[in-house]
Amino acid sequence: MTAPYAARSPDRLARRLARYRGANPGPGSAGDPLPYRPTASRELARRLADAVDGEVIDAAHGVYVRVERPAIDLPVDRERLATLPGQPPPERPLVCLDTETTGLATAAGTLAFLIGLGWWSGTSFRQVQLLLPDQGEEGVLLDVVAGHLPPDAWLVTYNGRGFDWPLLVTRYRMVGRGAPVIGGHLDLLPHVRRLFRHRLDDARLGTVERMLLGVTRVDDVVGWEIPGRYLGFLRGGPAQPLAAVVRHNDEDVRSLARLLAHVEQRLGDPAVRSSAPRGDLAGLARAFRRERRLEEAIGCLDAALAADPAELGQQPPVEPSARAVREEPWWSPGRRADFGGRPSSRRVSTGWDRRQAFSRPWDEGRIAIDRAHLLRRLGRVDEAIEAWDALACGPGRSAVVAAIEAAKLREHRSGDPAGALAAVERGLHLADRRRARGMPEPALEADLRHRWRRLRDRLARAAA
């Protein structure tokens, strides 16, 4: 039998609420540093415009703040830029975009309160920044952003394909509007990793500015402080801290344009490209190869091999040690994320790791290996055999691999089993030397022994 429900006493409930309010002071109390006074959107917009040196724009359905920066002269040869892999067609307009948000998620709880845009007008680069004074004015701000994006325009962002643009698409859906149609999206982060990671500490835009563009920011706001400054403003705090956020966003958008101009000026012209650092040329060659532009990739690798490593500051390759702890670089997909907690035990390398080919510096041997592979894909068999023979005379594991590749080409492309057998014997000799030094290669040795037996039997049958 169920006991009858007894209503709680109103006095008891009032006492519990009083204890809760005493332990958790609400907004506007002495325990909250911000006043949290409800303020009209127009008043918030006026305060924000005064702090960031902008103007309040009264739209049909709300208000927003607009900040327009003076244009700078920043010419970019679009015809020459379009010759590089992954770049937009020269006739399409480019719009640089960067957002400042209330968090790092791309779901419904994150708001883009500052959207910086930049575009070219002739050789001048113009910029405008659109700020959200209150959350209720988001639809007006997004309508203005859509008006700055022509349907055939290409967006230029930095990690925008994974964060900025998906976030804006979500916000358009949240306000019941469709996201504007764009002609394409140029995310510069993958290009930086592919071309310049060999000489960067990390892939942050500030690092790219300092180490690649020669720009150093002074008194810049730290990224993790940005959401707190805006949320504090919405809760009744001062608007002056957002002035540094606006300057930060202005530099971000301008750096996108500078980075695009840097790529065009240093790598777009083949005559100037030949004097680029060796790693830049090797990374560009791989980008050309991804688009199946193999002849241009070969040209980049030839220029990289012709460069003087002493002038470019290249470091000689380091032979992996069986007792050395191998540290993954910051850009490697093999590096595990650090979520805190007890540090995990690091694995000690007991031999060659296949992923090591991607973490090695762009030395002459690594570039020569890429070149030999490309020569084979182009059908230039004699040149590919010559390249692999030269690599087989060098040190390390790559010499054993080069001997196997030379044997393959001689047997299957040139029809020279005797030459292939000689290459295999050369590889066996190199593998025996590595085993004697404590660096065995069991997989390569098994491959070489199998090839040697098969080629020996083939030559014996031909002689019989």
Protein backbone atom coordinates (compact mmCIF):
# COMPACT_ATOMS: atom_id res chain seq x y z
CA MET A 1 0.00 0.00 0.00
CA THR A 2 1.42 3.36 -1.07
CA ALA A 3 1.59 6.09 1.51
CA PRO A 4 -0.40 9.22 0.65
CA TYR A 5 1.64 12.10 -0.80
CA ALA A 6 2.39 14.74 1.77
CA ALA A 7 2.81 18.26 0.46
CA ARG A 8 5.95 20.01 1.54
CA SER A 9 5.58 22.86 3.95
CA PRO A 10 5.95 26.32 2.34
CA ASP A 11 8.08 27.46 5.27
CA ARG A 12 10.47 24.55 4.79
CA LEU A 13 10.85 25.30 1.10
CA ALA A 14 11.44 28.98 1.83
CA ARG A 15 14.20 28.11 4.31
CA ARG A 16 15.91 25.84 1.77
CA LEU A 17 15.80 28.56 -0.90
CA ALA A 18 17.21 31.08 1.55
CA ARG A 19 20.13 28.77 2.37
CA TYR A 20 20.80 28.19 -1.32
CA ARG A 21 20.81 31.91 -2.10
CA GLY A 22 23.14 32.57 0.76
CA ALA A 23 25.62 29.98 -0.43
CA ASN A 24 25.39 31.03 -4.12
CA PRO A 25 25.22 34.80 -4.52
CA GLY A 26 23.61 35.74 -7.79
CA PRO A 27 24.62 38.35 -10.36
CA GLY A 28 24.74 41.85 -9.03
CA SER A 29 25.56 40.84 -5.47
CA ALA A 30 28.78 41.57 -3.61
CA GLY A 31 30.14 38.17 -4.54
CA ASP A 32 29.89 38.86 -8.28
CA PRO A 33 32.49 41.28 -9.66
CA LEU A 34 30.29 42.28 -12.63
CA PRO A 35 27.08 44.29 -12.20
CA TYR A 36 24.99 42.31 -14.72
CA ARG A 37 22.52 45.09 -15.40
CA PRO A 38 20.13 44.54 -18.31
CA THR A 39 21.18 46.97 -21.03
CA ALA A 40 19.53 47.75 -24.34
CA SER A 41 21.30 46.58 -27.48
CA ARG A 42 21.73 50.09 -28.82
CA GLU A 43 23.39 51.19 -25.60
CA LEU A 44 25.73 48.18 -25.74
CA ALA A 45 26.52 48.99 -29.37
CA ARG A 46 27.32 52.62 -28.48
CA ARG A 47 29.66 51.60 -25.67
CA LEU A 48 31.34 49.02 -27.87
CA ALA A 49 31.79 51.45 -30.77
CA ASP A 50 33.34 54.06 -28.48
CA ALA A 51 35.83 51.52 -27.12
CA VAL A 52 36.97 50.07 -30.47
CA ASP A 53 36.80 53.27 -32.54
CA GLY A 54 33.95 52.00 -34.67
CA GLU A 55 30.51 53.14 -35.73
CA VAL A 56 27.04 51.91 -34.83
CA ILE A 57 25.07 50.78 -37.87
CA ASP A 58 21.27 50.82 -37.59
CA ALA A 59 20.00 48.05 -39.86
CA ALA A 60 16.40 47.25 -40.68
CA HIS A 61 16.08 44.62 -37.95
CA GLY A 62 18.74 45.57 -35.45
CA VAL A 63 22.13 47.14 -34.83
CA TYR A 64 25.76 46.11 -35.09
CA VAL A 65 29.17 47.76 -34.84
CA ARG A 66 31.39 48.23 -37.86
CA VAL A 67 35.12 48.98 -37.75
CA GLU A 68 36.88 49.77 -41.03
CA ARG A 69 40.65 49.86 -41.17
CA PRO A 70 42.72 51.92 -43.62
CA ALA A 71 43.58 50.02 -46.78
CA ILE A 72 47.17 48.88 -47.28
CA ASP A 73 49.05 48.31 -50.51
CA LEU A 74 49.56 44.55 -50.86
CA PRO A 75 49.76 43.43 -54.49
CA VAL A 76 49.27 39.76 -55.34
CA ASP A 77 49.80 38.42 -58.86
CA ARG A 78 46.75 36.20 -59.17
CA GLU A 79 47.86 34.68 -62.47
CA ARG A 80 51.13 33.57 -60.94
CA LEU A 81 49.45 32.43 -57.73
CA ALA A 82 47.06 30.23 -59.70
CA THR A 83 49.99 28.24 -61.11
CA LEU A 84 50.70 26.83 -57.63
CA PRO A 85 48.87 23.70 -56.44
CA GLY A 86 45.67 24.17 -54.49
CA GLN A 87 45.25 27.85 -55.32
CA PRO A 88 42.03 29.47 -56.63
CA PRO A 89 41.50 30.52 -60.26
CA PRO A 90 42.73 34.04 -61.00
CA GLU A 91 39.29 35.40 -61.94
CA ARG A 92 37.64 34.49 -58.63
CA PRO A 93 37.52 37.15 -55.86
CA LEU A 94 39.22 36.31 -52.57
CA VAL A 95 37.75 37.15 -49.15
CA CYS A 96 39.93 36.65 -46.07
CA LEU A 97 37.90 35.68 -43.01
CA ASP A 98 38.70 35.23 -39.33
CA THR A 99 36.37 34.99 -36.36
CA GLU A 100 36.60 35.56 -32.63
CA THR A 101 34.24 33.36 -30.67
CA THR A 102 33.00 32.54 -27.18
CA GLY A 103 34.57 29.07 -27.27
CA LEU A 104 36.28 26.45 -29.37
CA ALA A 105 33.28 24.24 -30.18
CA THR A 106 31.39 24.42 -33.47
CA ALA A 107 28.01 23.46 -32.00
CA ALA A 108 25.05 25.59 -30.97
CA GLY A 109 26.61 26.93 -27.77
CA THR A 110 29.44 28.89 -29.41
CA LEU A 111 28.88 32.40 -30.74
CA ALA A 112 30.98 34.32 -33.27
CA PHE A 113 30.89 37.86 -31.87
CA LEU A 114 33.59 39.35 -34.12
CA ILE A 115 34.00 38.58 -37.82
CA GLY A 116 36.91 40.13 -39.67
CA LEU A 117 36.83 40.32 -43.46
CA GLY A 118 39.43 41.43 -45.97
CA TRP A 119 39.47 41.62 -49.75
CA TRP A 120 41.52 43.09 -52.59
CA SER A 121 40.52 46.13 -54.60
CA GLY A 122 43.20 46.29 -57.26
CA THR A 123 46.48 46.22 -55.35
CA SER A 124 44.90 47.58 -52.15
CA PHE A 125 43.83 45.26 -49.37
CA ARG A 126 40.73 46.52 -47.54
CA GLN A 127 39.47 45.31 -44.18
CA VAL A 128 36.27 45.57 -42.21
CA GLN A 129 35.32 44.12 -38.83
CA LEU A 130 31.76 43.40 -37.75
CA LEU A 131 30.99 43.15 -34.02
CA LEU A 132 27.95 41.78 -32.24
CA PRO A 133 26.81 44.11 -29.43
CA ASP A 134 24.24 41.67 -28.05
CA GLN A 135 23.20 38.09 -28.72
CA GLY A 136 19.79 39.13 -30.03
CA GLU A 137 21.40 40.98 -32.94
CA GLU A 138 23.13 37.90 -34.39
CA GLY A 139 20.79 37.58 -37.38
CA VAL A 140 21.56 41.15 -38.48
CA LEU A 141 25.30 40.54 -38.24
CA LEU A 142 25.12 37.33 -40.26
CA ASP A 143 23.08 39.06 -42.97
CA VAL A 144 25.81 41.68 -43.32
CA VAL A 145 28.48 38.97 -43.52
CA ALA A 146 26.53 37.23 -46.30
CA GLY A 147 26.44 40.52 -48.21
CA HIS A 148 30.26 40.62 -48.22
CA LEU A 149 30.56 37.13 -49.74
CA PRO A 150 29.88 36.99 -53.50
CA PRO A 151 28.63 33.59 -54.74
CA ASP A 152 31.81 33.01 -56.77
CA ALA A 153 34.22 34.18 -54.03
CA TRP A 154 36.83 31.96 -52.41
CA LEU A 155 37.27 32.16 -48.66
CA VAL A 156 40.84 32.48 -47.37
CA THR A 157 41.16 31.29 -43.78
CA TYR A 158 43.59 29.71 -41.34
CA ASN A 159 42.06 26.50 -40.00
CA GLY A 160 38.76 27.89 -41.22
CA ARG A 161 37.75 24.71 -42.99
CA GLY A 162 37.67 22.91 -39.65
CA PHE A 163 36.48 25.71 -37.33
CA ASP A 164 35.49 29.18 -38.58
CA TRP A 165 33.29 28.26 -41.52
CA PRO A 166 31.51 25.26 -39.90
CA LEU A 167 30.77 27.49 -36.90
CA LEU A 168 29.25 30.19 -39.12
CA VAL A 169 27.19 27.59 -40.98
CA THR A 170 25.82 26.43 -37.62
CA ARG A 171 24.99 29.98 -36.56
CA TYR A 172 23.13 30.61 -39.84
CA ARG A 173 21.04 27.52 -39.14
CA MET A 174 20.37 28.66 -35.57
CA VAL A 175 18.88 31.95 -36.79
CA GLY A 176 16.80 30.22 -39.47
CA ARG A 177 18.86 31.27 -42.47
CA GLY A 178 20.81 29.37 -45.07
CA ALA A 179 24.58 29.81 -45.16
CA PRO A 180 25.82 31.89 -48.11
CA VAL A 181 27.06 30.00 -51.15
CA ILE A 182 30.78 30.38 -51.83
CA GLY A 183 32.87 29.38 -54.82
CA GLY A 184 35.63 27.67 -52.86
CA HIS A 185 37.65 27.62 -49.67
CA LEU A 186 41.42 28.09 -49.38
CA ASP A 187 42.55 27.00 -45.92
CA LEU A 188 46.17 28.09 -45.52
CA LEU A 189 46.92 25.84 -42.54
CA PRO A 190 47.45 22.64 -44.62
CA HIS A 191 49.61 24.60 -47.06
CA VAL A 192 51.79 25.92 -44.24
CA ARG A 193 52.23 22.42 -42.85
CA ARG A 194 53.08 20.99 -46.25
CA LEU A 195 55.52 23.71 -47.33
CA PHE A 196 57.06 25.28 -44.25
CA ARG A 197 56.78 22.88 -41.31
CA HIS A 198 60.46 21.97 -41.60
CA ARG A 199 61.42 25.44 -40.33
CA LEU A 200 58.59 26.28 -37.92
CA ASP A 201 58.29 25.52 -34.22
CA ASP A 202 54.55 24.93 -34.55
CA ALA A 203 51.67 25.78 -36.86
CA ARG A 204 50.12 28.67 -34.92
CA LEU A 205 49.51 31.80 -36.96
CA GLY A 206 51.65 33.87 -34.57
CA THR A 207 54.57 31.50 -35.16
CA VAL A 208 54.10 31.80 -38.92
CA GLU A 209 54.14 35.58 -38.62
CA ARG A 210 57.32 35.58 -36.56
CA MET A 211 59.35 32.89 -38.34
CA LEU A 212 58.09 33.22 -41.90
CA LEU A 213 56.79 36.75 -42.42
CA GLY A 214 59.12 38.57 -40.01
CA VAL A 215 56.23 40.16 -38.08
CA THR A 216 56.23 40.35 -34.28
CA ARG A 217 53.12 41.39 -32.41
CA VAL A 218 53.41 43.73 -29.44
CA ASP A 219 50.99 43.65 -26.51
CA ASP A 220 48.78 41.04 -28.18
CA VAL A 221 45.89 39.45 -26.32
CA VAL A 222 46.17 35.75 -25.53
CA GLY A 223 43.57 33.63 -27.29
CA TRP A 224 42.10 32.05 -24.17
CA GLU A 225 41.30 35.49 -22.73
CA ILE A 226 39.09 36.54 -25.65
CA PRO A 227 35.83 34.72 -24.69
CA GLY A 228 36.03 36.01 -21.13
CA ARG A 229 36.44 39.62 -22.24
CA TYR A 230 33.36 39.50 -24.44
CA LEU A 231 31.21 37.63 -21.93
CA GLY A 232 32.28 40.11 -19.26
CA PHE A 233 31.12 42.94 -21.53
CA LEU A 234 27.72 41.30 -21.98
CA ARG A 235 27.38 41.01 -18.19
CA GLY A 236 27.81 44.75 -17.77
CA GLY A 237 31.60 44.97 -17.68
CA PRO A 238 33.69 47.59 -19.50
CA ALA A 239 34.09 47.46 -23.28
CA GLN A 240 37.69 48.72 -23.30
CA PRO A 241 39.24 45.21 -23.01
CA LEU A 242 37.65 44.34 -26.36
CA ALA A 243 39.83 46.92 -28.14
CA ALA A 244 42.79 44.53 -27.89
CA VAL A 245 40.59 41.73 -29.28
CA VAL A 246 39.72 43.88 -32.29
CA ARG A 247 43.41 44.63 -32.91
CA HIS A 248 44.17 40.90 -32.61
CA ASN A 249 41.54 40.04 -35.21
CA ASP A 250 42.76 42.83 -37.50
CA GLU A 251 46.28 41.39 -37.44
CA ASP A 252 44.96 37.88 -38.09
CA VAL A 253 43.11 38.95 -41.24
CA ARG A 254 46.07 40.98 -42.46
CA SER A 255 48.41 38.04 -41.87
CA LEU A 256 46.26 35.89 -44.14
CA ALA A 257 46.83 38.37 -46.95
CA ARG A 258 50.55 38.65 -46.18
CA LEU A 259 50.94 34.88 -46.15
CA LEU A 260 49.21 34.56 -49.50
CA ALA A 261 51.45 37.29 -50.96
CA HIS A 262 54.52 35.56 -49.49
CA VAL A 263 53.63 32.26 -51.16
CA GLU A 264 53.02 33.98 -54.49
CA GLN A 265 56.22 36.04 -54.44
CA ARG A 266 58.58 33.32 -53.17
CA LEU A 267 57.18 30.23 -54.90
CA GLY A 268 55.00 31.45 -57.76
CA ASP A 269 57.87 32.56 -60.02
CA PRO A 270 60.03 29.59 -61.11
CA ALA A 271 63.10 31.84 -61.37
CA VAL A 272 62.73 33.06 -57.77
CA ARG A 273 61.57 29.64 -56.56
CA SER A 274 64.96 28.06 -57.27
CA SER A 275 66.53 30.13 -54.45
CA ALA A 276 63.95 29.05 -51.86
CA PRO A 277 64.98 26.85 -48.93
CA ARG A 278 65.42 23.19 -49.75
CA GLY A 279 62.52 22.06 -47.57
CA ASP A 280 60.14 24.56 -49.20
CA LEU A 281 60.94 23.15 -52.62
CA ALA A 282 60.56 19.57 -51.47
CA GLY A 283 57.19 20.33 -49.87
CA LEU A 284 56.07 22.13 -53.03
CA ALA A 285 57.11 19.10 -55.06
CA ARG A 286 54.85 16.89 -52.99
CA ALA A 287 52.00 19.36 -53.47
CA PHE A 288 52.54 19.22 -57.24
CA ARG A 289 52.61 15.44 -57.08
CA ARG A 290 49.25 15.35 -55.29
CA GLU A 291 47.78 17.12 -58.34
CA ARG A 292 49.65 14.78 -60.74
CA ARG A 293 51.81 17.61 -62.06
CA LEU A 294 54.88 15.41 -62.03
CA GLU A 295 57.13 17.41 -64.35
CA GLU A 296 56.80 20.49 -62.15
CA ALA A 297 57.44 18.32 -59.10
CA ILE A 298 60.65 17.01 -60.69
CA GLY A 299 61.70 20.58 -61.41
CA CYS A 300 61.29 21.52 -57.75
CA LEU A 301 63.32 18.52 -56.58
CA ASP A 302 66.08 19.21 -59.10
CA ALA A 303 66.28 22.79 -57.83
CA ALA A 304 66.39 21.54 -54.23
CA LEU A 305 69.26 19.14 -55.03
CA ALA A 306 71.14 21.89 -56.85
CA ALA A 307 70.91 24.23 -53.84
CA ASP A 308 73.87 24.64 -51.52
CA PRO A 309 72.93 23.12 -48.13
CA ALA A 310 75.51 25.29 -46.37
CA GLU A 311 73.72 28.44 -47.50
CA LEU A 312 70.31 27.08 -46.52
CA GLY A 313 71.36 25.94 -43.07
CA GLN A 314 70.43 22.32 -43.63
CA GLN A 315 71.33 19.87 -40.93
CA PRO A 316 72.85 16.51 -41.86
CA PRO A 317 70.61 13.48 -41.34
CA VAL A 318 70.86 11.70 -38.03
CA GLU A 319 71.10 7.93 -38.08
CA PRO A 320 68.42 6.48 -35.75
CA SER A 321 69.81 4.77 -32.69
CA ALA A 322 68.36 1.63 -31.20
CA ARG A 323 68.65 3.11 -27.72
CA ALA A 324 67.37 6.59 -28.48
CA VAL A 325 63.88 7.70 -27.50
CA ARG A 326 62.13 8.93 -30.60
CA GLU A 327 60.11 12.12 -30.07
CA GLU A 328 57.29 12.76 -32.52
CA PRO A 329 57.27 16.29 -34.02
CA TRP A 330 54.37 18.64 -33.27
CA TRP A 331 52.74 18.15 -36.68
CA SER A 332 52.97 14.36 -36.79
CA PRO A 333 49.68 12.41 -36.73
CA GLY A 334 51.54 9.81 -34.69
CA ARG A 335 51.93 12.19 -31.73
CA ARG A 336 49.40 11.50 -29.02
CA ALA A 337 47.38 14.34 -27.54
CA ASP A 338 48.27 15.40 -24.00
CA PHE A 339 45.15 15.30 -21.84
CA GLY A 340 47.00 15.52 -18.53
CA GLY A 341 47.10 12.90 -15.83
CA ARG A 342 49.86 10.40 -15.21
CA PRO A 343 52.52 10.51 -17.95
CA SER A 344 52.52 7.36 -20.03
CA SER A 345 55.68 5.37 -20.54
CA ARG A 346 57.39 6.23 -23.81
CA ARG A 347 58.11 3.55 -26.30
CA VAL A 348 61.73 3.00 -27.14
CA SER A 349 62.56 2.44 -30.77
CA THR A 350 64.17 -0.92 -31.45
CA GLY A 351 64.64 -0.35 -35.14
CA TRP A 352 63.45 1.69 -38.08
CA ASP A 353 59.91 3.03 -37.91
CA ARG A 354 58.09 3.56 -41.17
CA ARG A 355 56.70 6.89 -39.94
CA GLN A 356 60.27 8.10 -39.51
CA ALA A 357 60.40 8.93 -43.21
CA PHE A 358 58.01 11.82 -42.55
CA SER A 359 59.86 13.23 -39.54
CA ARG A 360 63.33 13.32 -41.08
CA PRO A 361 64.67 16.69 -42.21
CA TRP A 362 64.69 17.47 -45.89
CA ASP A 363 68.26 16.34 -46.50
CA GLU A 364 69.74 15.39 -49.85
CA GLY A 365 68.98 11.70 -49.40
CA ARG A 366 65.30 12.19 -48.69
CA ILE A 367 64.89 14.53 -51.65
CA ALA A 368 66.73 12.08 -53.91
CA ILE A 369 64.35 9.29 -52.86
CA ASP A 370 61.32 11.39 -53.81
CA ARG A 371 62.96 12.23 -57.11
CA ALA A 372 63.66 8.59 -57.92
CA HIS A 373 60.03 7.65 -57.24
CA LEU A 374 58.82 10.46 -59.53
CA LEU A 375 61.16 9.41 -62.33
CA ARG A 376 59.68 5.94 -62.19
CA ARG A 377 56.12 7.30 -62.34
CA LEU A 378 57.06 9.41 -65.35
CA GLY A 379 58.40 6.34 -67.18
CA ARG A 380 61.99 7.63 -67.28
CA VAL A 381 63.33 4.23 -66.34
CA ASP A 382 67.01 4.76 -67.14
CA GLU A 383 67.15 7.95 -65.06
CA ALA A 384 65.27 6.25 -62.22
CA ILE A 385 67.76 3.33 -62.22
CA GLU A 386 70.64 5.78 -62.15
CA ALA A 387 69.05 7.64 -59.22
CA TRP A 388 68.47 4.43 -57.22
CA ASP A 389 72.03 3.23 -57.93
CA ALA A 390 73.38 6.49 -56.56
CA LEU A 391 71.26 6.10 -53.43
CA ALA A 392 72.44 2.49 -53.01
CA CYS A 393 75.98 3.80 -52.61
CA GLY A 394 74.99 5.90 -49.62
CA PRO A 395 74.65 5.06 -45.92
CA GLY A 396 71.74 3.85 -43.84
CA ARG A 397 68.65 1.81 -44.46
CA SER A 398 67.71 3.84 -47.52
CA ALA A 399 70.67 2.29 -49.38
CA VAL A 400 69.20 -1.20 -48.90
CA VAL A 401 65.79 0.01 -50.11
CA ALA A 402 67.43 1.71 -53.09
CA ALA A 403 69.14 -1.55 -54.08
CA ILE A 404 65.77 -3.33 -54.05
CA GLU A 405 64.13 -0.60 -56.14
CA ALA A 406 66.96 -0.70 -58.67
CA ALA A 407 66.58 -4.49 -58.91
CA LYS A 408 62.85 -4.14 -59.56
CA LEU A 409 63.36 -1.68 -62.39
CA ARG A 410 66.12 -3.71 -64.01
CA GLU A 411 64.10 -6.92 -63.88
CA HIS A 412 60.61 -5.69 -64.79
CA ARG A 413 61.21 -2.55 -66.87
CA SER A 414 64.61 -2.97 -68.51
CA GLY A 415 64.56 -6.76 -68.91
CA ASP A 416 68.02 -7.14 -67.34
CA PRO A 417 67.87 -10.02 -64.81
CA ALA A 418 71.66 -10.15 -64.53
CA GLY A 419 71.78 -6.48 -63.54
CA ALA A 420 68.90 -7.06 -61.13
CA LEU A 421 70.83 -9.95 -59.50
CA ALA A 422 73.87 -7.72 -59.07
CA ALA A 423 71.68 -5.05 -57.40
CA VAL A 424 70.21 -7.66 -55.06
CA GLU A 425 73.68 -8.89 -54.10
CA ARG A 426 74.65 -5.29 -53.40
CA GLY A 427 71.61 -4.96 -51.13
CA LEU A 428 72.45 -8.20 -49.30
CA HIS A 429 75.93 -6.89 -48.63
CA LEU A 430 74.55 -3.65 -47.21
CA ALA A 431 72.03 -5.53 -45.06
CA ASP A 432 74.77 -7.78 -43.66
CA ARG A 433 76.80 -4.71 -42.72
CA ARG A 434 73.82 -3.20 -40.88
CA ARG A 435 73.21 -6.46 -39.05
CA ALA A 436 76.86 -6.55 -37.96
CA ARG A 437 76.42 -3.03 -36.54
CA GLY A 438 73.40 -4.11 -34.48
CA MET A 439 70.73 -2.71 -36.83
CA PRO A 440 69.15 -5.74 -38.50
CA GLU A 441 66.49 -5.39 -41.17
CA PRO A 442 64.69 -8.76 -41.16
CA ALA A 443 61.93 -7.75 -43.58
CA LEU A 444 64.37 -6.35 -46.13
CA GLU A 445 66.70 -9.29 -45.75
CA ALA A 446 63.86 -11.74 -46.39
CA ASP A 447 62.85 -9.78 -49.50
CA LEU A 448 66.41 -9.73 -50.81
CA ARG A 449 66.94 -13.45 -50.24
CA HIS A 450 63.70 -14.28 -52.02
CA ARG A 451 64.65 -12.10 -55.00
CA TRP A 452 68.13 -13.56 -55.10
CA ARG A 453 66.85 -17.17 -55.28
CA ARG A 454 64.26 -16.31 -57.92
CA LEU A 455 66.70 -14.39 -60.12
CA ARG A 456 69.35 -17.08 -59.74
CA ASP A 457 66.90 -19.78 -60.87
CA ARG A 458 65.71 -17.62 -63.76
CA LEU A 459 69.22 -17.06 -65.03
CA ALA A 460 70.00 -20.80 -64.64
CA ARG A 461 66.96 -21.74 -66.74
CA ALA A 462 67.92 -19.22 -69.40
CA ALA A 463 71.46 -20.62 -69.59
CA ALA A 464 70.26 -24.25 -69.83
